[in-house]
């Protein structure tokens, strides 16, 4: 079994012993939240429960107690009916471990976005978001009223929830239905080739964030739950914001200052979960482009000694995990992140 990331606290395994989900324990994370992570990441099963260890207590969906930092295993739920013979045999014993199939969706890091009014749509969105939010909605210490009075916006950005480069979600059926009718009308009346842009530049796709929080938001280090509007931290560096309740007290329908739509918040939240939690998540700062490998990292290629050290270490890992490609990949990642490698 591969060693999970040392940056996570909660691990979910299936009947094969393969790591299917790795999450960061935060002060507000509940079992209900953990099950939601599972439903976002699992293609199947849909009906299951989690067991702490292979012989510990069971936890059911809807449990709002705080999650313990531990390893969990996916078990069948009582009375669950399966639609296929293959899955039926796993239901014969209601205490049976279940196999898990992950969704195929892969999320790549977002490119950083900047609060620059490059066109009229961006200028209109920027003005509406500033009037509605007035200060960073996540870092509540930044609540100075002088921003509106003095038109002083240094350090805060009118941020896109769905970025301009990813306007495709607005083509999904029902995606814009969560918008206010006035915003939907603007979208419906837009030229066919510009509908995505009208959605991206809607005030309901914007939020005012401090520049530092904006960077974390763009990199999926934190996100806002689409229905509770609670901030969820996915990285230890954003734990300060975890559990913050995001509100829009100055949203005003009569002035067209509508709060962000649930659909855009959900799009960002689900991508943040997939990026950080599915499998062992993606490594921050060590994400490699297609075709690259660890041997190409500067820390390993800068000297001949570094190359020899790396080759010897990889040979040791291949002896230990040569029969398990997944385990070998995880262990190589852990080696690159280790203090031994950085020294």
Protein backbone atom coordinates (compact mmCIF):
# COMPACT_ATOMS: atom_id res chain seq x y z
CA UNK A 1 0.00 0.00 0.00
CA UNK A 2 1.50 3.40 -0.95
CA UNK A 3 2.29 5.85 1.84
CA UNK A 4 -0.17 8.77 1.61
CA UNK A 5 0.88 12.39 1.43
CA UNK A 6 2.38 13.80 4.60
CA UNK A 7 0.37 16.99 3.99
CA UNK A 8 -3.01 15.28 4.54
CA UNK A 9 -4.71 13.90 7.68
CA UNK A 10 -7.74 11.96 6.39
CA UNK A 11 -7.44 9.01 4.02
CA UNK A 12 -10.16 6.90 2.37
CA UNK A 13 -9.38 3.44 0.94
CA UNK A 14 -11.52 0.95 -0.95
CA UNK A 15 -11.59 -2.87 -0.97
CA UNK A 16 -8.47 -3.04 -3.16
CA UNK A 17 -6.45 -1.12 -0.57
CA UNK A 18 -5.98 1.75 -3.03
CA UNK A 19 -6.04 5.31 -1.72
CA UNK A 20 -9.13 6.98 -3.19
CA UNK A 21 -9.36 10.23 -1.27
CA UNK A 22 -6.98 12.27 0.88
CA UNK A 23 -8.18 15.37 2.71
CA UNK A 24 -6.92 17.97 5.11
CA UNK A 25 -8.53 17.99 8.56
CA UNK A 26 -9.78 21.44 9.46
CA UNK A 27 -11.54 22.80 12.53
CA UNK A 28 -14.94 22.78 10.80
CA UNK A 29 -14.78 19.64 8.63
CA UNK A 30 -17.57 17.15 9.46
CA UNK A 31 -18.35 13.63 8.28
CA UNK A 32 -21.16 15.15 6.23
CA UNK A 33 -18.52 17.23 4.41
CA UNK A 34 -16.31 14.17 3.95
CA UNK A 35 -19.17 12.24 2.37
CA UNK A 36 -19.78 15.19 0.05
CA UNK A 37 -16.13 15.04 -1.01
CA UNK A 38 -16.63 11.33 -1.71
CA UNK A 39 -19.72 11.93 -3.83
CA UNK A 40 -17.85 14.52 -5.91
CA UNK A 41 -14.86 12.21 -6.44
CA UNK A 42 -16.56 8.78 -6.68
CA UNK A 43 -18.22 7.63 -9.87
CA UNK A 44 -19.54 4.70 -7.88
CA UNK A 45 -20.73 3.54 -5.40
CA UNK A 46 -23.32 6.16 -4.44
CA UNK A 47 -24.65 4.46 -1.32
CA UNK A 48 -22.00 3.55 1.24
CA UNK A 49 -20.70 4.25 4.70
CA UNK A 50 -17.23 4.86 6.07
CA UNK A 51 -15.47 2.86 8.75
CA UNK A 52 -12.63 4.25 10.82
CA UNK A 53 -9.99 1.59 10.23
CA UNK A 54 -11.11 -1.91 9.28
CA UNK A 55 -12.57 -2.65 12.72
CA UNK A 56 -13.49 0.78 14.11
CA UNK A 57 -16.83 2.61 14.29
CA UNK A 58 -19.00 3.20 11.23
CA UNK A 59 -20.03 6.69 10.11
CA UNK A 60 -23.17 7.33 8.09
CA UNK A 61 -23.97 10.05 5.59
CA UNK A 62 -25.42 13.12 7.28
CA UNK A 63 -23.28 12.78 10.42
CA UNK A 64 -22.37 16.35 11.40
CA UNK A 65 -19.77 15.48 14.04
CA UNK A 66 -16.20 16.64 13.42
CA UNK A 67 -14.00 14.29 11.40
CA UNK A 68 -11.21 12.47 13.17
CA UNK A 69 -7.79 12.46 11.52
CA UNK A 70 -7.58 8.78 10.54
CA UNK A 71 -7.78 6.25 7.73
CA UNK A 72 -11.25 5.18 6.58
CA UNK A 73 -12.56 2.32 4.46
CA UNK A 74 -15.60 2.28 2.17
CA UNK A 75 -18.20 -0.27 3.29
CA UNK A 76 -21.60 -1.27 1.96
CA UNK A 77 -24.65 0.40 3.48
CA UNK A 78 -27.40 -1.68 5.06
CA UNK A 79 -30.23 -2.61 2.72
CA UNK A 80 -28.59 -1.18 -0.37
CA UNK A 81 -29.79 -2.57 -3.70
CA UNK A 82 -27.37 -2.92 -6.59
CA UNK A 83 -28.29 -2.73 -10.26
CA UNK A 84 -25.56 -5.03 -11.59
CA UNK A 85 -24.55 -8.61 -10.82
CA UNK A 86 -20.93 -7.56 -10.42
CA UNK A 87 -21.81 -5.18 -7.62
CA UNK A 88 -24.41 -7.53 -6.14
CA UNK A 89 -21.83 -9.93 -4.77
CA UNK A 90 -20.40 -7.11 -2.66
CA UNK A 91 -23.80 -6.65 -1.08
CA UNK A 92 -24.25 -10.25 0.02
CA UNK A 93 -22.42 -9.45 3.22
CA UNK A 94 -23.54 -6.09 4.59
CA UNK A 95 -20.18 -5.69 6.28
CA UNK A 96 -18.35 -6.02 2.95
CA UNK A 97 -15.68 -3.61 1.79
CA UNK A 98 -16.54 -1.97 -1.52
CA UNK A 99 -14.47 -1.14 -4.58
CA UNK A 100 -14.51 2.51 -5.65
CA UNK A 101 -14.32 3.95 -9.15
CA UNK A 102 -13.20 7.57 -9.33
CA UNK A 103 -14.59 10.10 -11.79
CA UNK A 104 -12.34 10.67 -14.79
CA UNK A 105 -12.42 14.47 -14.51
CA UNK A 106 -8.97 16.00 -14.10
CA UNK A 107 -8.54 19.58 -12.92
CA UNK A 108 -5.45 21.55 -13.88
CA UNK A 109 -4.30 24.59 -11.90
CA UNK A 110 -5.92 27.85 -12.95
CA UNK A 111 -3.85 30.61 -14.45
CA UNK A 112 -3.70 33.60 -12.08
CA UNK A 113 -6.21 36.32 -13.03
CA UNK A 114 -5.72 40.02 -12.57
CA UNK A 115 -8.17 42.82 -11.81
CA UNK A 116 -7.59 44.90 -14.92
CA UNK A 117 -10.45 46.51 -16.81
CA UNK A 118 -9.49 45.53 -20.35
CA UNK A 119 -12.94 45.90 -21.92
CA UNK A 120 -16.34 47.42 -21.24
CA UNK A 121 -17.80 44.19 -19.86
CA UNK A 122 -14.93 43.88 -17.38
CA UNK A 123 -15.31 47.54 -16.36
CA UNK A 124 -19.04 47.11 -15.74
CA UNK A 125 -18.50 43.93 -13.74
CA UNK A 126 -15.70 45.52 -11.70
CA UNK A 127 -17.88 48.52 -10.79
CA UNK A 128 -20.87 46.37 -9.80
CA UNK A 129 -18.79 43.94 -7.72
CA UNK A 130 -17.11 46.83 -5.87
CA UNK A 131 -20.44 48.51 -5.13
CA UNK A 132 -21.92 45.24 -3.85
CA UNK A 133 -19.00 43.82 -1.84
CA UNK A 134 -17.07 46.97 -0.79
CA UNK A 135 -14.30 44.88 0.83
CA UNK A 136 -12.83 41.38 0.74
CA UNK A 137 -15.68 38.95 1.43
CA UNK A 138 -13.42 36.23 2.90
CA UNK A 139 -10.79 38.14 4.86
CA UNK A 140 -13.23 40.10 6.99
CA UNK A 141 -10.51 42.18 8.67
CA UNK A 142 -10.39 44.12 5.40
CA UNK A 143 -13.67 45.95 6.03
CA UNK A 144 -12.61 49.56 5.85
CA UNK A 145 -15.46 51.73 4.62
CA UNK A 146 -13.07 54.20 3.02
CA UNK A 147 -12.74 51.98 -0.03
CA UNK A 148 -16.12 53.06 -1.38
CA UNK A 149 -15.93 56.62 -0.07
CA UNK A 150 -12.48 57.35 -1.46
CA UNK A 151 -12.64 54.97 -4.45
CA UNK A 152 -9.52 53.30 -3.04
CA UNK A 153 -9.18 49.72 -4.23
CA UNK A 154 -5.49 48.94 -3.88
CA UNK A 155 -5.00 45.40 -2.57
CA UNK A 156 -8.48 44.12 -3.43
CA UNK A 157 -9.53 42.54 -6.72
CA UNK A 158 -12.83 42.03 -8.49
CA UNK A 159 -12.26 38.32 -8.98
CA UNK A 160 -13.94 35.91 -11.41
CA UNK A 161 -15.34 32.76 -9.81
CA UNK A 162 -15.39 30.96 -13.16
CA UNK A 163 -12.37 32.43 -14.99
CA UNK A 164 -12.55 34.07 -18.39
CA UNK A 165 -10.42 31.29 -19.86
CA UNK A 166 -13.01 28.72 -18.79
CA UNK A 167 -16.28 30.10 -20.10
CA UNK A 168 -17.44 26.63 -21.20
CA UNK A 169 -19.57 25.95 -18.08
CA UNK A 170 -21.96 28.69 -19.19
CA UNK A 171 -22.90 26.52 -22.16
CA UNK A 172 -24.13 23.74 -19.85
CA UNK A 173 -27.87 23.28 -19.71
CA UNK A 174 -29.24 24.82 -16.53
CA UNK A 175 -25.98 26.51 -15.53
CA UNK A 176 -27.35 30.03 -16.01
CA UNK A 177 -30.75 29.10 -14.55
CA UNK A 178 -29.35 29.92 -11.08
CA UNK A 179 -28.84 33.52 -12.18
CA UNK A 180 -31.30 36.29 -11.39
CA UNK A 181 -33.90 36.71 -14.19
CA UNK A 182 -32.40 40.09 -15.15
CA UNK A 183 -28.96 38.54 -15.56
CA UNK A 184 -30.41 35.61 -17.49
CA UNK A 185 -32.09 38.07 -19.85
CA UNK A 186 -28.76 39.80 -20.56
CA UNK A 187 -27.26 36.36 -21.21
CA UNK A 188 -30.15 35.22 -23.46
CA UNK A 189 -29.99 38.44 -25.52
CA UNK A 190 -26.22 38.17 -26.05
CA UNK A 191 -24.93 37.15 -29.50
CA UNK A 192 -24.45 33.35 -29.66
CA UNK A 193 -20.67 33.61 -29.89
CA UNK A 194 -20.51 35.89 -26.83
CA UNK A 195 -22.84 34.14 -24.40
CA UNK A 196 -19.94 32.67 -22.46
CA UNK A 197 -18.39 36.11 -22.01
CA UNK A 198 -21.69 37.60 -20.83
CA UNK A 199 -21.84 34.87 -18.20
CA UNK A 200 -18.20 35.27 -17.14
CA UNK A 201 -18.56 39.05 -16.80
CA UNK A 202 -21.81 38.88 -14.84
CA UNK A 203 -21.79 40.38 -11.34
CA UNK A 204 -23.04 36.95 -10.23
CA UNK A 205 -19.71 35.47 -11.33
CA UNK A 206 -17.67 37.97 -9.34
CA UNK A 207 -16.45 38.44 -5.78
CA UNK A 208 -14.21 41.06 -4.19
CA UNK A 209 -11.12 39.46 -2.65
CA UNK A 210 -7.87 40.75 -1.21
CA UNK A 211 -4.98 40.09 -3.58
CA UNK A 212 -3.54 37.33 -1.36
CA UNK A 213 -6.91 35.59 -0.95
CA UNK A 214 -7.53 35.97 -4.69
CA UNK A 215 -4.31 34.06 -5.39
CA UNK A 216 -5.39 31.25 -3.04
CA UNK A 217 -8.86 31.19 -4.62
CA UNK A 218 -7.43 30.91 -8.14
CA UNK A 219 -5.13 28.06 -7.08
CA UNK A 220 -7.99 26.12 -5.40
CA UNK A 221 -6.27 26.42 -2.00
CA UNK A 222 -9.68 27.46 -0.67
CA UNK A 223 -13.24 27.61 -1.94
CA UNK A 224 -16.75 28.66 -0.88
CA UNK A 225 -19.42 26.02 -0.39
CA UNK A 226 -22.21 26.73 -2.91
CA UNK A 227 -25.15 26.45 -0.47
CA UNK A 228 -23.76 27.13 3.02
CA UNK A 229 -21.31 29.83 1.82
CA UNK A 230 -18.77 28.52 4.34
CA UNK A 231 -15.11 28.79 3.31
CA UNK A 232 -13.35 25.43 3.05
CA UNK A 233 -9.55 25.39 3.30
CA UNK A 234 -7.73 22.76 1.23
CA UNK A 235 -4.19 23.79 2.16
CA UNK A 236 -2.60 24.45 5.54
CA UNK A 237 -1.65 27.95 4.43
CA UNK A 238 -5.33 28.92 4.16
CA UNK A 239 -6.52 27.48 7.51
CA UNK A 240 -6.99 31.05 8.77
CA UNK A 241 -10.02 31.43 6.50
CA UNK A 242 -11.58 27.99 7.08
CA UNK A 243 -15.10 28.18 8.48
CA UNK A 244 -15.64 31.83 7.55
CA UNK A 245 -19.25 32.55 6.62
CA UNK A 246 -19.30 34.57 3.41
CA UNK A 247 -22.13 37.08 3.16
CA UNK A 248 -23.20 39.79 0.76
CA UNK A 249 -25.09 42.28 2.98
CA UNK A 250 -25.08 44.96 0.29
CA UNK A 251 -26.61 42.80 -2.44
CA UNK A 252 -29.50 44.80 -3.84
CA UNK A 253 -31.76 43.45 -6.58
CA UNK A 254 -33.29 46.84 -7.38
CA UNK A 255 -29.80 48.14 -8.24
CA UNK A 256 -28.75 44.99 -10.11
CA UNK A 257 -26.24 44.03 -7.41
CA UNK A 258 -27.07 40.32 -7.26
CA UNK A 259 -25.14 37.89 -5.06
CA UNK A 260 -22.97 35.23 -6.75
CA UNK A 261 -24.96 32.39 -8.31
CA UNK A 262 -24.95 28.93 -6.75
CA UNK A 263 -23.94 27.35 -10.06
CA UNK A 264 -20.65 29.27 -10.35
CA UNK A 265 -19.80 28.68 -6.68
CA UNK A 266 -20.53 24.96 -7.16
CA UNK A 267 -18.32 24.81 -10.25
CA UNK A 268 -15.38 26.28 -8.31
CA UNK A 269 -16.02 24.17 -5.18
CA UNK A 270 -16.23 20.86 -7.06
CA UNK A 271 -13.06 21.65 -9.00
CA UNK A 272 -11.29 22.52 -5.74
CA UNK A 273 -12.35 19.16 -4.26
CA UNK A 274 -11.21 17.24 -7.35
CA UNK A 275 -7.91 19.12 -7.50
CA UNK A 276 -7.06 18.68 -3.82
CA UNK A 277 -8.86 15.57 -2.59
CA UNK A 278 -9.36 13.00 -5.37
CA UNK A 279 -6.84 10.20 -5.04
CA UNK A 280 -3.93 11.79 -3.24
CA UNK A 281 -4.65 15.22 -4.71
CA UNK A 282 -2.21 17.27 -6.74
CA UNK A 283 1.02 18.59 -5.25
CA UNK A 284 1.22 22.36 -4.88
CA UNK A 285 4.36 23.71 -6.48
CA UNK A 286 5.28 20.33 -7.96
CA UNK A 287 2.63 19.98 -10.65
CA UNK A 288 4.37 18.75 -13.80
CA UNK A 289 3.36 19.40 -17.35
CA UNK A 290 2.46 16.42 -19.56
CA UNK A 291 5.64 14.63 -20.61
CA UNK A 292 7.73 15.92 -17.69
CA UNK A 293 8.98 13.67 -14.90
CA UNK A 294 10.68 14.13 -11.55
CA UNK A 295 14.16 13.57 -12.99
CA UNK A 296 13.79 16.86 -14.91
CA UNK A 297 13.39 18.95 -11.73
CA UNK A 298 16.28 21.44 -11.26
CA UNK A 299 16.94 20.22 -7.69
CA UNK A 300 17.85 16.82 -9.11
CA UNK A 301 19.69 17.85 -12.27
CA UNK A 302 21.79 20.75 -10.98
CA UNK A 303 24.76 18.53 -10.08
CA UNK A 304 26.20 15.12 -10.87
CA UNK A 305 25.93 14.18 -7.17
CA UNK A 306 22.22 15.02 -7.27
CA UNK A 307 21.68 12.78 -10.29
CA UNK A 308 23.55 9.88 -8.65
CA UNK A 309 21.65 10.33 -5.37
CA UNK A 310 18.31 10.34 -7.19
CA UNK A 311 19.18 7.25 -9.26
CA UNK A 312 20.15 5.30 -6.14
CA UNK A 313 16.98 6.31 -4.31
CA UNK A 314 14.76 5.38 -7.26
CA UNK A 315 16.48 2.00 -7.50
CA UNK A 316 15.68 1.37 -3.82
CA UNK A 317 12.02 2.32 -4.35
CA UNK A 318 11.74 0.12 -7.44
CA UNK A 319 12.98 -2.83 -5.38
CA UNK A 320 10.31 -2.16 -2.75
CA UNK A 321 7.38 -1.15 -4.98
CA UNK A 322 8.28 -2.50 -8.42
CA UNK A 323 5.11 -4.59 -8.56
CA UNK A 324 2.84 -1.65 -7.77
CA UNK A 325 3.18 1.28 -10.22
CA UNK A 326 0.75 3.44 -8.22
CA UNK A 327 2.69 2.94 -5.01
CA UNK A 328 5.97 3.67 -6.81
CA UNK A 329 4.60 6.93 -8.21
CA UNK A 330 3.36 8.09 -4.79
CA UNK A 331 6.64 7.19 -3.08
CA UNK A 332 8.65 9.08 -5.71
CA UNK A 333 6.49 12.16 -5.13
CA UNK A 334 6.97 11.83 -1.35
CA UNK A 335 10.73 11.52 -1.87
CA UNK A 336 10.87 14.75 -3.89
CA UNK A 337 8.96 16.59 -1.14
CA UNK A 338 11.07 15.14 1.69
CA UNK A 339 13.58 17.11 3.73
CA UNK A 340 16.24 14.67 2.57
CA UNK A 341 15.71 15.75 -1.04
CA UNK A 342 15.58 19.49 -0.33
CA UNK A 343 18.88 19.32 1.56
